Amino acid sequence: MADLHIENLAKTFKGGFDALRGISLDVADCEAVFLLGPSGAGKTTTLRLVAGLEDATQGKIAIGGRDVTSLTPRERNLAMVYDKHSLFPHMSVFENLAYPLRLRRMTEAAMKARIQGVAETLQIETLLDRRPSQLSGGQMQRVAIGRALVREADVFLLDEPISHLDAQLRARMRVEFKRLQRDFKATMLYVSHDQLEAMTMADRIVLINKGRVEQIATPQQMFDRPETLFVATFIGEPMMNTLPARLAEVDKRFVLTIGTSQVAVDRDWILSGPPLSPGAEYVVGIRPQQIALSASGDSSAGRVNGTVFAVETLGSRVIFDVDLQGAIVRVMTSVDAARAFPRTIGAPISFCVKADFVYLFDAATGRTMRQARFSERKTH
């Protein structure tokens, strides 16, 4: 295996569309890095540039310290797995796995040994005589992965390889992919639009938006300490709540006004980091898991009043959508705790916001101005 280095990579298509606008990232040897982002962000374009299927407008690509920017796909020693398995229907599973090895003129004995080892790891050794039409969707995808693994490529490129499978099979394949990456010590660059895949499988995530890198971090770091409003709202399920807020200084104390409610925040939290301006408009972010529903008549600080807009029961959890005169805030709680609160649409309901769980974003740039205090403690 080998490491992968991408430096200031850009791609402009005919008509002047900038698909990539100077992406830089590194994938260490034996590391699994996910390119995550919405549709059209530039994830697959990045993968195709690394594979040599597209020519870069600018930038450099190096694999194992070797500059491959101008090399053909075959000269780069990469293996690619697509969202569709792309197996040869007239060939058996064995012949599908053997195809890339025959192109490299490997001896029959060495080829059989390589295929047998990969097939056992993928648990498809009993399927070698079958044809693709005789396989399930999960089995076909294992064969497609195996065809990449038998090559012993320097870097494996995966373009949403399990996106077309059903939910139950995707969950099983996520576990298998992580095991395979560990067993084969594979260097992987994996494209996905599914944050659950990235959060559960990646060593690090590269979050891309509109052809630019928003943040590179481990899954937990990206969840706890997002660098932009886009990252904060893209990572996490349910999505982070965002509300306009105004910062004010009252009696030498700093408060955030959210709707008609005020949340007191520590002076050292306000004064640390980039300067903030009392009276200026900001965006407050609060994750649904960090908001507590409040009993009727509760007068505690940070209490916000609204009405029930919708209620979603998700097994062990319940999500209340609270209407704040047009703005919807999602609050997640346990089934047991939810029994104490009304579920009738339009019924009054309140929740409490604690300053330790508040993120603050610049309304104009989207940059994170202050991280939640609980995320600071987690990183210590």
Foldseek 3Di string as FASTA:
>chain_A
DWKKWWFQWWAADPPGQTLAGTDTDIFGQLFAEEAAEDPSLNQVVVLCQQQQVDQTPDTFMDIRNHTCNPPHNVVQQEAEQELALPFDQVAFLLCSLCVVVVVVVDDPVVSVVLLCVLCVLLVCNVRRGHGPVPDDRLSSLSSSVSSRLSSVGRAYEYENNCVPPDPVSVVVVLVSVQVVSVVSSHGYYYYDHDLVSQLSRHQWYFYGGNNYTQDIGHSVCLQQPPFFQVSQQSRDPPGWAKFKWFWAQDPNWIWICGQNAIATDDPVQQPPFDHDDHGDIWMKTFHQAQKFWDDPPDPDHQKAKFWFAAWDDDPQKIWTFTDPPNGTDIHIDGPVSCVRDDGDGGHMIMIGDHQQRMWIAHPPPRGTGGGRNVSVVVVD
